[in-house]
């Protein structure tokens, strides 16, 4: 693999002061050349229209996916379909039940969208954008807490979230979703089927889920990779990136994972202010040892030796938050 696509956003200068749902002022798509470490900006969005709040909307590309020569990129309230490599915008799908979308995943003829703000996974026909079905990520009625008559695209924030669904993956033909609040992953068909990812003594946010052969790899935002067994649903290994030689910095949230043969790439966002200080408690044990890295970064780790083989630091100002890293489609 020569190139990696990086999805994310740049912070507003006064985003923290403006509050939830207003932090990010521009969506970004970058490309990383893994051979020479160079980053280039491929796509920017700094203005949006009717599918967002009218003032200071949150503008970001969250966790996207690849479908042959199509790149699906979600924002907080839209799913955007781009051709690749020309990046022509082919379609935009948006629905009133979209709020704080964290990811989109393609499966056959369908798109699975995590509408995180209303604890829902929404399934769309990928050709028409029509909603096929919806799932509540706790297995409850989809409208048990929210209202189908409200346009949630116009709301900045619906926090606190009951489960905060993040990312969809598949075990055989069954869709599963990671849940930040419960620190687990569950089947959307039967939420009693569960992978306890973080454990009772590790309250830190889980994000991605990536299936490779018989294993599922999850990221936790404090810089760990958790590997679970696809058959038993049990955690079989935890890789502590923040304890590896060469980690070298206090880095931001770990979110975004990609595996290429025996190398695993993991992305780190830039640290930012947050009102939820519990989410930053894990930083205390590192601030005495390392300096804070004021940029995003991507680590490459050899899975056999469990060593860092490359550290790609994004030039300052290009991106402040990374949601996903994807293999570049063949041109």
C-alpha atoms as a PDB file:
ATOM      1  CA  UNK A   1       0.000   0.000   0.000  1.00  0.00           C
ATOM      2  CA  UNK A   2       1.427   3.335  -1.077  1.00  0.00           C
ATOM      3  CA  UNK A   3      -1.186   5.880   0.001  1.00  0.00           C
ATOM      4  CA  UNK A   4      -3.649   6.322   2.851  1.00  0.00           C
ATOM      5  CA  UNK A   5      -6.676   8.629   2.834  1.00  0.00           C
ATOM      6  CA  UNK A   6      -7.318  10.587   6.023  1.00  0.00           C
ATOM      7  CA  UNK A   7     -10.730  12.035   6.960  1.00  0.00           C
ATOM      8  CA  UNK A   8     -11.317  14.686   9.602  1.00  0.00           C
ATOM      9  CA  UNK A   9     -11.679  18.371  10.357  1.00  0.00           C
ATOM     10  CA  UNK A  10     -10.050  21.625  11.450  1.00  0.00           C
ATOM     11  CA  UNK A  11     -11.037  23.398  14.654  1.00  0.00           C
ATOM     12  CA  UNK A  12     -12.674  26.798  14.855  1.00  0.00           C
ATOM     13  CA  UNK A  13     -10.506  29.243  16.774  1.00  0.00           C
ATOM     14  CA  UNK A  14     -13.342  29.838  19.231  1.00  0.00           C
ATOM     15  CA  UNK A  15     -14.983  26.429  18.896  1.00  0.00           C
ATOM     16  CA  UNK A  16     -14.640  25.464  22.548  1.00  0.00           C
ATOM     17  CA  UNK A  17     -16.188  28.720  23.683  1.00  0.00           C
ATOM     18  CA  UNK A  18     -19.098  28.268  21.250  1.00  0.00           C
ATOM     19  CA  UNK A  19     -19.888  24.857  22.738  1.00  0.00           C
ATOM     20  CA  UNK A  20     -20.998  21.370  21.700  1.00  0.00           C
ATOM     21  CA  UNK A  21     -21.721  20.867  18.020  1.00  0.00           C
ATOM     22  CA  UNK A  22     -19.768  23.949  16.973  1.00  0.00           C
ATOM     23  CA  UNK A  23     -16.122  22.911  17.454  1.00  0.00           C
ATOM     24  CA  UNK A  24     -15.145  22.260  13.834  1.00  0.00           C
ATOM     25  CA  UNK A  25     -15.253  24.769  11.011  1.00  0.00           C
ATOM     26  CA  UNK A  26     -13.957  22.785   8.043  1.00  0.00           C
ATOM     27  CA  UNK A  27     -14.032  19.205   6.709  1.00  0.00           C
ATOM     28  CA  UNK A  28     -10.783  17.821   5.296  1.00  0.00           C
ATOM     29  CA  UNK A  29      -9.662  14.847   3.224  1.00  0.00           C
ATOM     30  CA  UNK A  30      -5.891  14.286   3.107  1.00  0.00           C
ATOM     31  CA  UNK A  31      -3.647  11.758   1.442  1.00  0.00           C
ATOM     32  CA  UNK A  32      -0.557  10.304   3.116  1.00  0.00           C
ATOM     33  CA  UNK A  33       2.250   8.822   1.046  1.00  0.00           C
ATOM     34  CA  UNK A  34       3.488   6.086   3.393  1.00  0.00           C
ATOM     35  CA  UNK A  35       6.796   5.811   1.533  1.00  0.00           C
ATOM     36  CA  UNK A  36       7.980   9.412   1.925  1.00  0.00           C
ATOM     37  CA  UNK A  37       5.682  10.583   4.750  1.00  0.00           C
ATOM     38  CA  UNK A  38       4.219  13.451   2.729  1.00  0.00           C
ATOM     39  CA  UNK A  39       0.683  14.743   3.310  1.00  0.00           C
ATOM     40  CA  UNK A  40      -1.440  16.569   0.746  1.00  0.00           C
ATOM     41  CA  UNK A  41      -4.919  18.083   0.980  1.00  0.00           C
ATOM     42  CA  UNK A  42      -7.381  16.565  -1.493  1.00  0.00           C
ATOM     43  CA  UNK A  43     -10.721  18.047  -0.483  1.00  0.00           C
ATOM     44  CA  UNK A  44     -12.019  20.841   1.765  1.00  0.00           C
ATOM     45  CA  UNK A  45     -15.497  21.944   2.772  1.00  0.00           C
ATOM     46  CA  UNK A  46     -15.765  25.194   4.717  1.00  0.00           C
ATOM     47  CA  UNK A  47     -19.336  26.214   3.879  1.00  0.00           C
ATOM     48  CA  UNK A  48     -22.535  24.174   4.126  1.00  0.00           C
ATOM     49  CA  UNK A  49     -26.210  24.856   3.543  1.00  0.00           C
ATOM     50  CA  UNK A  50     -29.704  23.676   4.444  1.00  0.00           C
ATOM     51  CA  UNK A  51     -28.919  20.342   6.105  1.00  0.00           C
ATOM     52  CA  UNK A  52     -27.137  22.057   9.005  1.00  0.00           C
ATOM     53  CA  UNK A  53     -27.846  24.700  11.654  1.00  0.00           C
ATOM     54  CA  UNK A  54     -27.831  28.148  10.041  1.00  0.00           C
ATOM     55  CA  UNK A  55     -25.049  29.562  12.255  1.00  0.00           C
ATOM     56  CA  UNK A  56     -21.654  28.028  13.167  1.00  0.00           C
ATOM     57  CA  UNK A  57     -22.489  24.462  12.040  1.00  0.00           C
ATOM     58  CA  UNK A  58     -20.118  21.635  12.859  1.00  0.00           C
ATOM     59  CA  UNK A  59     -18.300  20.918   9.573  1.00  0.00           C
ATOM     60  CA  UNK A  60     -16.238  17.725   9.489  1.00  0.00           C
ATOM     61  CA  UNK A  61     -15.681  14.508   7.582  1.00  0.00           C
ATOM     62  CA  UNK A  62     -16.172  11.642   9.998  1.00  0.00           C
ATOM     63  CA  UNK A  63     -15.364   7.944   9.412  1.00  0.00           C
ATOM     64  CA  UNK A  64     -15.807   7.135   5.722  1.00  0.00           C
ATOM     65  CA  UNK A  65     -15.535   3.984   3.633  1.00  0.00           C
ATOM     66  CA  UNK A  66     -14.396   2.770   0.209  1.00  0.00           C
ATOM     67  CA  UNK A  67     -16.669   1.010  -2.295  1.00  0.00           C
ATOM     68  CA  UNK A  68     -14.650   0.167  -5.441  1.00  0.00           C
ATOM     69  CA  UNK A  69     -14.041   3.570  -7.077  1.00  0.00           C
ATOM     70  CA  UNK A  70     -16.499   5.381  -4.797  1.00  0.00           C
ATOM     71  CA  UNK A  71     -15.583   7.213  -1.606  1.00  0.00           C
ATOM     72  CA  UNK A  72     -18.413   7.624   0.915  1.00  0.00           C
ATOM     73  CA  UNK A  73     -17.779  10.546   3.280  1.00  0.00           C
ATOM     74  CA  UNK A  74     -20.137  11.395   6.145  1.00  0.00           C
ATOM     75  CA  UNK A  75     -20.500  14.797   7.758  1.00  0.00           C
ATOM     76  CA  UNK A  76     -22.544  15.487  10.896  1.00  0.00           C
ATOM     77  CA  UNK A  77     -25.790  15.475   8.895  1.00  0.00           C
ATOM     78  CA  UNK A  78     -25.041  14.108   5.405  1.00  0.00           C
ATOM     79  CA  UNK A  79     -23.664  11.135   3.535  1.00  0.00           C
ATOM     80  CA  UNK A  80     -21.679  12.299   0.498  1.00  0.00           C
ATOM     81  CA  UNK A  81     -20.831  10.072  -2.445  1.00  0.00           C
ATOM     82  CA  UNK A  82     -17.661  10.976  -4.369  1.00  0.00           C
ATOM     83  CA  UNK A  83     -16.061   9.340  -7.372  1.00  0.00           C
ATOM     84  CA  UNK A  84     -12.376   8.592  -6.957  1.00  0.00           C
ATOM     85  CA  UNK A  85      -9.817   9.853  -7.839  1.00  0.00           C
ATOM     86  CA  UNK A  86     -11.487  12.894  -9.448  1.00  0.00           C
ATOM     87  CA  UNK A  87     -13.580  13.560  -6.300  1.00  0.00           C
ATOM     88  CA  UNK A  88     -16.673  14.559  -8.225  1.00  0.00           C
ATOM     89  CA  UNK A  89     -19.638  14.842  -5.862  1.00  0.00           C
ATOM     90  CA  UNK A  90     -22.193  12.336  -7.178  1.00  0.00           C
ATOM     91  CA  UNK A  91     -24.902  12.333  -4.506  1.00  0.00           C
ATOM     92  CA  UNK A  92     -25.786  13.756  -1.087  1.00  0.00           C
ATOM     93  CA  UNK A  93     -28.142  11.843   1.224  1.00  0.00           C
ATOM     94  CA  UNK A  94     -29.597  13.539   4.283  1.00  0.00           C
ATOM     95  CA  UNK A  95     -32.516  12.788   6.616  1.00  0.00           C
ATOM     96  CA  UNK A  96     -34.089  14.501   9.602  1.00  0.00           C
ATOM     97  CA  UNK A  97     -32.891  11.643  11.853  1.00  0.00           C
ATOM     98  CA  UNK A  98     -29.235  12.471  11.117  1.00  0.00           C
ATOM     99  CA  UNK A  99     -27.356  14.098  13.991  1.00  0.00           C
ATOM    100  CA  UNK A 100     -23.644  13.899  14.833  1.00  0.00           C
ATOM    101  CA  UNK A 101     -22.989  11.087  12.339  1.00  0.00           C
ATOM    102  CA  UNK A 102     -19.779   9.272  13.284  1.00  0.00           C
ATOM    103  CA  UNK A 103     -19.411   6.771  10.438  1.00  0.00           C
ATOM    104  CA  UNK A 104     -20.788   5.203   7.292  1.00  0.00           C
ATOM    105  CA  UNK A 105     -20.115   1.618   6.202  1.00  0.00           C
ATOM    106  CA  UNK A 106     -21.147  -0.010   2.924  1.00  0.00           C
ATOM    107  CA  UNK A 107     -22.466  -3.571   2.766  1.00  0.00           C
ATOM    108  CA  UNK A 108     -23.768  -4.850  -0.549  1.00  0.00           C
ATOM    109  CA  UNK A 109     -26.482  -2.436  -1.698  1.00  0.00           C
ATOM    110  CA  UNK A 110     -26.834  -0.727   1.651  1.00  0.00           C
ATOM    111  CA  UNK A 111     -25.202   2.006   3.713  1.00  0.00           C
ATOM    112  CA  UNK A 112     -25.095   1.684   7.500  1.00  0.00           C
ATOM    113  CA  UNK A 113     -24.966   5.108   9.136  1.00  0.00           C
ATOM    114  CA  UNK A 114     -24.297   5.744  12.835  1.00  0.00           C
ATOM    115  CA  UNK A 115     -26.530   8.680  13.738  1.00  0.00           C
ATOM    116  CA  UNK A 116     -24.711   9.024  17.025  1.00  0.00           C
ATOM    117  CA  UNK A 117     -26.697  11.988  18.310  1.00  0.00           C
ATOM    118  CA  UNK A 118     -29.891   9.970  18.543  1.00  0.00           C
ATOM    119  CA  UNK A 119     -28.302   6.593  19.424  1.00  0.00           C
ATOM    120  CA  UNK A 120     -29.409   5.108  16.118  1.00  0.00           C
ATOM    121  CA  UNK A 121     -28.033   3.142  13.179  1.00  0.00           C
ATOM    122  CA  UNK A 122     -29.841   4.070   9.951  1.00  0.00           C
ATOM    123  CA  UNK A 123     -29.700   1.766   6.916  1.00  0.00           C
ATOM    124  CA  UNK A 124     -30.008   3.380   3.475  1.00  0.00           C
ATOM    125  CA  UNK A 125     -30.286   2.079  -0.063  1.00  0.00           C
ATOM    126  CA  UNK A 126     -26.919   3.180  -1.436  1.00  0.00           C
ATOM    127  CA  UNK A 127     -28.346   4.004  -4.874  1.00  0.00           C
ATOM    128  CA  UNK A 128     -31.338   6.092  -3.832  1.00  0.00           C
ATOM    129  CA  UNK A 129     -30.524   7.165  -0.274  1.00  0.00           C
ATOM    130  CA  UNK A 130     -33.965   5.975   0.865  1.00  0.00           C
ATOM    131  CA  UNK A 131     -34.124   4.716   4.461  1.00  0.00           C
ATOM    132  CA  UNK A 132     -34.610   0.942   4.570  1.00  0.00           C
ATOM    133  CA  UNK A 133     -34.639   0.400   8.331  1.00  0.00           C
ATOM    134  CA  UNK A 134     -33.426   1.849  11.632  1.00  0.00           C
ATOM    135  CA  UNK A 135     -31.932   0.297  14.765  1.00  0.00           C
ATOM    136  CA  UNK A 136     -31.653   1.704  18.247  1.00  0.00           C
ATOM    137  CA  UNK A 137     -28.196   0.766  19.523  1.00  0.00           C
ATOM    138  CA  UNK A 138     -29.646  -0.475  22.831  1.00  0.00           C
ATOM    139  CA  UNK A 139     -32.239  -2.681  21.173  1.00  0.00           C
ATOM    140  CA  UNK A 140     -35.073  -0.366  22.206  1.00  0.00           C
ATOM    141  CA  UNK A 141     -37.719   1.259  20.036  1.00  0.00           C
ATOM    142  CA  UNK A 142     -36.034   3.712  17.655  1.00  0.00           C
ATOM    143  CA  UNK A 143     -38.242   6.607  18.800  1.00  0.00           C
ATOM    144  CA  UNK A 144     -38.462   5.695  22.484  1.00  0.00           C
ATOM    145  CA  UNK A 145     -36.524   8.819  23.474  1.00  0.00           C
ATOM    146  CA  UNK A 146     -36.614  11.069  20.416  1.00  0.00           C
ATOM    147  CA  UNK A 147     -39.361  12.314  18.094  1.00  0.00           C
ATOM    148  CA  UNK A 148     -39.799  11.446  14.422  1.00  0.00           C
ATOM    149  CA  UNK A 149     -41.332  14.904  13.843  1.00  0.00           C
ATOM    150  CA  UNK A 150     -38.116  16.789  14.790  1.00  0.00           C
ATOM    151  CA  UNK A 151     -35.394  17.716  12.301  1.00  0.00           C
ATOM    152  CA  UNK A 152     -32.313  16.735  14.313  1.00  0.00           C
ATOM    153  CA  UNK A 153     -29.994  18.123  11.630  1.00  0.00           C
ATOM    154  CA  UNK A 154     -30.795  21.581  12.975  1.00  0.00           C
ATOM    155  CA  UNK A 155     -29.754  20.716  16.542  1.00  0.00           C
ATOM    156  CA  UNK A 156     -26.184  21.340  17.647  1.00  0.00           C
ATOM    157  CA  UNK A 157     -26.096  18.662  20.319  1.00  0.00           C
ATOM    158  CA  UNK A 158     -28.317  16.018  21.925  1.00  0.00           C
ATOM    159  CA  UNK A 159     -25.885  15.065  24.695  1.00  0.00           C
ATOM    160  CA  UNK A 160     -25.807  13.140  26.924  1.00  0.00           C
ATOM    161  CA  UNK A 161     -26.133  10.078  24.696  1.00  0.00           C
ATOM    162  CA  UNK A 162     -27.495   6.821  26.083  1.00  0.00           C
ATOM    163  CA  UNK A 163     -25.007   4.709  24.112  1.00  0.00           C
ATOM    164  CA  UNK A 164     -23.155   6.867  21.517  1.00  0.00           C
ATOM    165  CA  UNK A 165     -22.822   4.346  18.638  1.00  0.00           C
ATOM    166  CA  UNK A 166     -19.575   4.875  16.755  1.00  0.00           C
ATOM    167  CA  UNK A 167     -18.701   2.323  14.110  1.00  0.00           C
ATOM    168  CA  UNK A 168     -20.298  -0.605  12.219  1.00  0.00           C
ATOM    169  CA  UNK A 169     -18.558  -3.886  11.401  1.00  0.00           C
ATOM    170  CA  UNK A 170     -19.727  -7.383  10.487  1.00  0.00           C
ATOM    171  CA  UNK A 171     -19.380 -10.775  12.074  1.00  0.00           C
ATOM    172  CA  UNK A 172     -20.398 -13.088   9.240  1.00  0.00           C
ATOM    173  CA  UNK A 173     -23.711 -11.593   8.018  1.00  0.00           C
ATOM    174  CA  UNK A 174     -24.516  -9.829  11.265  1.00  0.00           C
ATOM    175  CA  UNK A 175     -23.989  -6.061  11.702  1.00  0.00           C
ATOM    176  CA  UNK A 176     -22.348  -5.001  14.958  1.00  0.00           C
ATOM    177  CA  UNK A 177     -21.789  -1.519  16.392  1.00  0.00           C
ATOM    178  CA  UNK A 178     -19.294  -0.131  18.906  1.00  0.00           C
ATOM    179  CA  UNK A 179     -20.847   1.867  21.766  1.00  0.00           C
ATOM    180  CA  UNK A 180     -18.826   4.515  23.559  1.00  0.00           C
ATOM    181  CA  UNK A 181     -21.020   4.802  26.658  1.00  0.00           C
ATOM    182  CA  UNK A 182     -21.086   1.060  27.392  1.00  0.00           C
ATOM    183  CA  UNK A 183     -17.473   0.498  26.223  1.00  0.00           C
ATOM    184  CA  UNK A 184     -18.517  -2.477  24.128  1.00  0.00           C
ATOM    185  CA  UNK A 185     -19.769  -3.733  20.779  1.00  0.00           C
ATOM    186  CA  UNK A 186     -23.147  -5.409  20.236  1.00  0.00           C
ATOM    187  CA  UNK A 187     -25.054  -7.120  17.456  1.00  0.00           C
ATOM    188  CA  UNK A 188     -27.767  -4.922  15.966  1.00  0.00           C
ATOM    189  CA  UNK A 189     -29.881  -8.064  15.551  1.00  0.00           C
ATOM    190  CA  UNK A 190     -29.542  -9.064  19.215  1.00  0.00           C
ATOM    191  CA  UNK A 191     -27.870  -6.641  21.651  1.00  0.00           C
ATOM    192  CA  UNK A 192     -27.473  -9.412  24.234  1.00  0.00           C
ATOM    193  CA  UNK A 193     -24.623 -10.624  22.004  1.00  0.00           C
ATOM    194  CA  UNK A 194     -21.848  -8.389  23.296  1.00  0.00           C
ATOM    195  CA  UNK A 195     -18.079  -7.870  23.287  1.00  0.00           C
ATOM    196  CA  UNK A 196     -16.905  -6.203  26.503  1.00  0.00           C
ATOM    197  CA  UNK A 197     -14.006  -4.218  25.106  1.00  0.00           C
ATOM    198  CA  UNK A 198     -12.681  -1.944  27.808  1.00  0.00           C
ATOM    199  CA  UNK A 199     -13.555  -3.952  30.921  1.00  0.00           C
ATOM    200  CA  UNK A 200     -14.859  -2.773  34.298  1.00  0.00           C
ATOM    201  CA  UNK A 201     -11.644  -0.975  35.310  1.00  0.00           C
ATOM    202  CA  UNK A 202     -10.940   0.830  32.056  1.00  0.00           C
ATOM    203  CA  UNK A 203     -13.582   3.464  31.386  1.00  0.00           C
ATOM    204  CA  UNK A 204     -12.235   4.909  28.168  1.00  0.00           C
ATOM    205  CA  UNK A 205     -13.973   5.421  24.853  1.00  0.00           C
ATOM    206  CA  UNK A 206     -13.912   2.653  22.262  1.00  0.00           C
ATOM    207  CA  UNK A 207     -14.227   3.670  18.636  1.00  0.00           C
ATOM    208  CA  UNK A 208     -13.387   1.591  15.544  1.00  0.00           C
ATOM    209  CA  UNK A 209     -13.963  -2.089  14.902  1.00  0.00           C
ATOM    210  CA  UNK A 210     -11.987  -3.745  12.101  1.00  0.00           C
ATOM    211  CA  UNK A 211     -12.389  -7.437  11.256  1.00  0.00           C
ATOM    212  CA  UNK A 212      -9.309  -9.265   9.932  1.00  0.00           C
ATOM    213  CA  UNK A 213      -9.611 -13.042   9.548  1.00  0.00           C
ATOM    214  CA  UNK A 214     -10.782 -14.348  12.949  1.00  0.00           C
ATOM    215  CA  UNK A 215      -9.962 -11.233  14.933  1.00  0.00           C
ATOM    216  CA  UNK A 216     -11.592  -7.861  15.536  1.00  0.00           C
ATOM    217  CA  UNK A 217      -9.353  -4.874  16.222  1.00  0.00           C
ATOM    218  CA  UNK A 218     -10.735  -1.960  18.219  1.00  0.00           C
ATOM    219  CA  UNK A 219      -9.166   1.368  19.122  1.00  0.00           C
ATOM    220  CA  UNK A 220      -9.625   3.082  22.458  1.00  0.00           C
ATOM    221  CA  UNK A 221      -9.004   6.798  22.569  1.00  0.00           C
ATOM    222  CA  UNK A 222      -6.195   6.536  25.147  1.00  0.00           C
ATOM    223  CA  UNK A 223      -3.909   4.812  22.633  1.00  0.00           C
ATOM    224  CA  UNK A 224      -4.641   1.095  22.856  1.00  0.00           C
ATOM    225  CA  UNK A 225      -5.550  -1.558  20.305  1.00  0.00           C
ATOM    226  CA  UNK A 226      -7.864  -4.238  21.687  1.00  0.00           C
ATOM    227  CA  UNK A 227      -8.035  -7.545  19.828  1.00  0.00           C
ATOM    228  CA  UNK A 228     -11.088  -9.781  20.301  1.00  0.00           C
ATOM    229  CA  UNK A 229     -11.946 -13.246  19.020  1.00  0.00           C
ATOM    230  CA  UNK A 230     -14.675 -13.354  16.364  1.00  0.00           C
ATOM    231  CA  UNK A 231     -16.071 -16.660  17.654  1.00  0.00           C
ATOM    232  CA  UNK A 232     -15.953 -16.289  21.452  1.00  0.00           C
ATOM    233  CA  UNK A 233     -16.382 -12.473  21.600  1.00  0.00           C
ATOM    234  CA  UNK A 234     -13.616 -12.391  24.222  1.00  0.00           C
ATOM    235  CA  UNK A 235     -10.697  -9.961  24.341  1.00  0.00           C
ATOM    236  CA  UNK A 236      -7.505 -11.886  23.608  1.00  0.00           C
ATOM    237  CA  UNK A 237      -4.887  -9.129  23.540  1.00  0.00           C
ATOM    238  CA  UNK A 238      -4.391  -5.447  24.358  1.00  0.00           C
ATOM    239  CA  UNK A 239      -1.577  -3.577  22.613  1.00  0.00           C
ATOM    240  CA  UNK A 240      -0.528  -0.527  24.619  1.00  0.00           C
ATOM    241  CA  UNK A 241       0.807   1.865  21.987  1.00  0.00           C
ATOM    242  CA  UNK A 242       1.464   4.501  24.628  1.00  0.00           C
ATOM    243  CA  UNK A 243       4.001   2.212  26.310  1.00  0.00           C
ATOM    244  CA  UNK A 244       6.005   1.448  23.167  1.00  0.00           C
ATOM    245  CA  UNK A 245       9.484   2.764  22.530  1.00  0.00           C
ATOM    246  CA  UNK A 246       9.158   5.631  20.084  1.00  0.00           C
ATOM    247  CA  UNK A 247       5.696   6.791  21.219  1.00  0.00           C
ATOM    248  CA  UNK A 248       7.537   9.937  22.386  1.00  0.00           C
ATOM    249  CA  UNK A 249       4.620  12.349  22.820  1.00  0.00           C
ATOM    250  CA  UNK A 250       1.419  13.039  24.684  1.00  0.00           C
ATOM    251  CA  UNK A 251      -0.935  12.521  21.757  1.00  0.00           C
ATOM    252  CA  UNK A 252      -4.642  13.199  21.343  1.00  0.00           C
ATOM    253  CA  UNK A 253      -7.473  10.734  20.965  1.00  0.00           C
ATOM    254  CA  UNK A 254      -6.702   7.515  19.089  1.00  0.00           C
ATOM    255  CA  UNK A 255      -9.359   7.006  16.434  1.00  0.00           C
ATOM    256  CA  UNK A 256      -8.920   5.493  12.980  1.00  0.00           C
ATOM    257  CA  UNK A 257      -7.320   2.129  12.204  1.00  0.00           C
ATOM    258  CA  UNK A 258      -6.065   0.363   9.075  1.00  0.00           C
ATOM    259  CA  UNK A 259      -4.262  -2.964   8.664  1.00  0.00           C
ATOM    260  CA  UNK A 260      -2.048  -3.722   5.678  1.00  0.00           C
ATOM    261  CA  UNK A 261      -0.525  -7.204   5.798  1.00  0.00           C
ATOM    262  CA  UNK A 262       1.501  -7.141   9.032  1.00  0.00           C
ATOM    263  CA  UNK A 263       1.444  -3.395   9.628  1.00  0.00           C
ATOM    264  CA  UNK A 264      -1.284  -1.644  11.555  1.00  0.00           C
ATOM    265  CA  UNK A 265      -1.795   2.106  11.164  1.00  0.00           C
ATOM    266  CA  UNK A 266      -3.454   4.045  13.978  1.00  0.00           C
ATOM    267  CA  UNK A 267      -4.398   7.736  13.874  1.00  0.00           C
ATOM    268  CA  UNK A 268      -4.234  10.286  16.686  1.00  0.00           C
ATOM    269  CA  UNK A 269      -6.131  13.559  16.715  1.00  0.00           C
ATOM    270  CA  UNK A 270      -4.765  16.805  18.111  1.00  0.00           C
ATOM    271  CA  UNK A 271      -5.608  17.343  21.777  1.00  0.00           C
ATOM    272  CA  UNK A 272      -8.401  19.847  22.260  1.00  0.00           C
ATOM    273  CA  UNK A 273     -10.270  21.338  25.188  1.00  0.00           C
ATOM    274  CA  UNK A 274     -13.297  19.429  26.456  1.00  0.00           C
ATOM    275  CA  UNK A 275     -15.868  20.020  29.169  1.00  0.00           C
ATOM    276  CA  UNK A 276     -15.882  16.291  29.949  1.00  0.00           C
ATOM    277  CA  UNK A 277     -12.646  16.229  31.938  1.00  0.00           C
ATOM    278  CA  UNK A 278     -13.068  12.531  32.814  1.00  0.00           C
ATOM    279  CA  UNK A 279     -12.215  11.762  29.207  1.00  0.00           C
ATOM    280  CA  UNK A 280      -8.766  13.293  29.756  1.00  0.00           C
ATOM    281  CA  UNK A 281      -7.874  11.705  33.090  1.00  0.00           C
ATOM    282  CA  UNK A 282      -5.682   9.113  31.358  1.00  0.00           C
ATOM    283  CA  UNK A 283      -3.339  11.906  30.204  1.00  0.00           C
ATOM    284  CA  UNK A 284      -2.028  12.473  33.713  1.00  0.00           C
ATOM    285  CA  UNK A 285       0.331   9.506  33.676  1.00  0.00           C
ATOM    286  CA  UNK A 286       1.993  10.726  30.452  1.00  0.00           C
ATOM    287  CA  UNK A 287       2.349  14.481  30.941  1.00  0.00           C
ATOM    288  CA  UNK A 288       5.264  14.004  33.341  1.00  0.00           C
ATOM    289  CA  UNK A 289       7.128  11.888  30.791  1.00  0.00           C
ATOM    290  CA  UNK A 290       6.342  13.376  27.376  1.00  0.00           C
ATOM    291  CA  UNK A 291       5.697  16.718  25.750  1.00  0.00           C
ATOM    292  CA  UNK A 292       2.308  17.384  24.168  1.00  0.00           C
ATOM    293  CA  UNK A 293       2.230  16.913  20.402  1.00  0.00           C
ATOM    294  CA  UNK A 294       0.290  19.876  19.001  1.00  0.00           C
ATOM    295  CA  UNK A 295      -0.465  18.080  15.720  1.00  0.00           C
ATOM    296  CA  UNK A 296      -2.276  15.007  14.459  1.00  0.00           C
ATOM    297  CA  UNK A 297      -0.233  11.894  13.806  1.00  0.00           C
ATOM    298  CA  UNK A 298      -0.414   8.363  12.407  1.00  0.00           C
ATOM    299  CA  UNK A 299       1.668   5.531  13.829  1.00  0.00           C
ATOM    300  CA  UNK A 300       2.667   2.425  11.869  1.00  0.00           C
ATOM    301  CA  UNK A 301       3.154  -0.638  14.088  1.00  0.00           C
ATOM    302  CA  UNK A 302       4.603  -4.009  13.166  1.00  0.00           C
ATOM    303  CA  UNK A 303       2.114  -6.542  14.549  1.00  0.00           C
ATOM    304  CA  UNK A 304       4.693  -9.334  14.821  1.00  0.00           C
ATOM    305  CA  UNK A 305       7.287  -7.443  16.827  1.00  0.00           C
ATOM    306  CA  UNK A 306       4.819  -4.937  18.341  1.00  0.00           C
ATOM    307  CA  UNK A 307       7.160  -2.092  17.589  1.00  0.00           C
ATOM    308  CA  UNK A 308       6.621   1.328  16.059  1.00  0.00           C
ATOM    309  CA  UNK A 309       8.120   1.360  12.567  1.00  0.00           C
ATOM    310  CA  UNK A 310       7.029   4.839  11.474  1.00  0.00           C
ATOM    311  CA  UNK A 311       5.588   7.996  12.967  1.00  0.00           C
ATOM    312  CA  UNK A 312       3.841  10.275  10.465  1.00  0.00           C
ATOM    313  CA  UNK A 313       3.235  13.734  11.933  1.00  0.00           C
ATOM    314  CA  UNK A 314       0.727  15.849  10.015  1.00  0.00           C
ATOM    315  CA  UNK A 315       1.967  19.381   9.227  1.00  0.00           C
ATOM    316  CA  UNK A 316       0.422  21.971  11.524  1.00  0.00           C
ATOM    317  CA  UNK A 317      -2.830  23.483  10.282  1.00  0.00           C
ATOM    318  CA  UNK A 318      -3.759  20.737   7.804  1.00  0.00           C
ATOM    319  CA  UNK A 319      -6.130  18.849  10.132  1.00  0.00           C
ATOM    320  CA  UNK A 320      -6.971  18.854  13.857  1.00  0.00           C
ATOM    321  CA  UNK A 321      -9.174  15.774  14.234  1.00  0.00           C
ATOM    322  CA  UNK A 322      -8.902  12.443  12.438  1.00  0.00           C
ATOM    323  CA  UNK A 323     -11.886  10.114  12.233  1.00  0.00           C
ATOM    324  CA  UNK A 324     -10.720   7.446   9.799  1.00  0.00           C
ATOM    325  CA  UNK A 325      -7.777   6.267   7.727  1.00  0.00           C
ATOM    326  CA  UNK A 326      -8.598   4.352   4.558  1.00  0.00           C
ATOM    327  CA  UNK A 327      -6.666   2.541   1.825  1.00  0.00           C
ATOM    328  CA  UNK A 328      -6.579   4.661  -1.305  1.00  0.00           C
ATOM    329  CA  UNK A 329      -8.700   3.025  -4.052  1.00  0.00           C
ATOM    330  CA  UNK A 330      -6.866   1.912  -7.154  1.00  0.00           C
ATOM    331  CA  UNK A 331      -6.830   4.728  -9.695  1.00  0.00           C
END
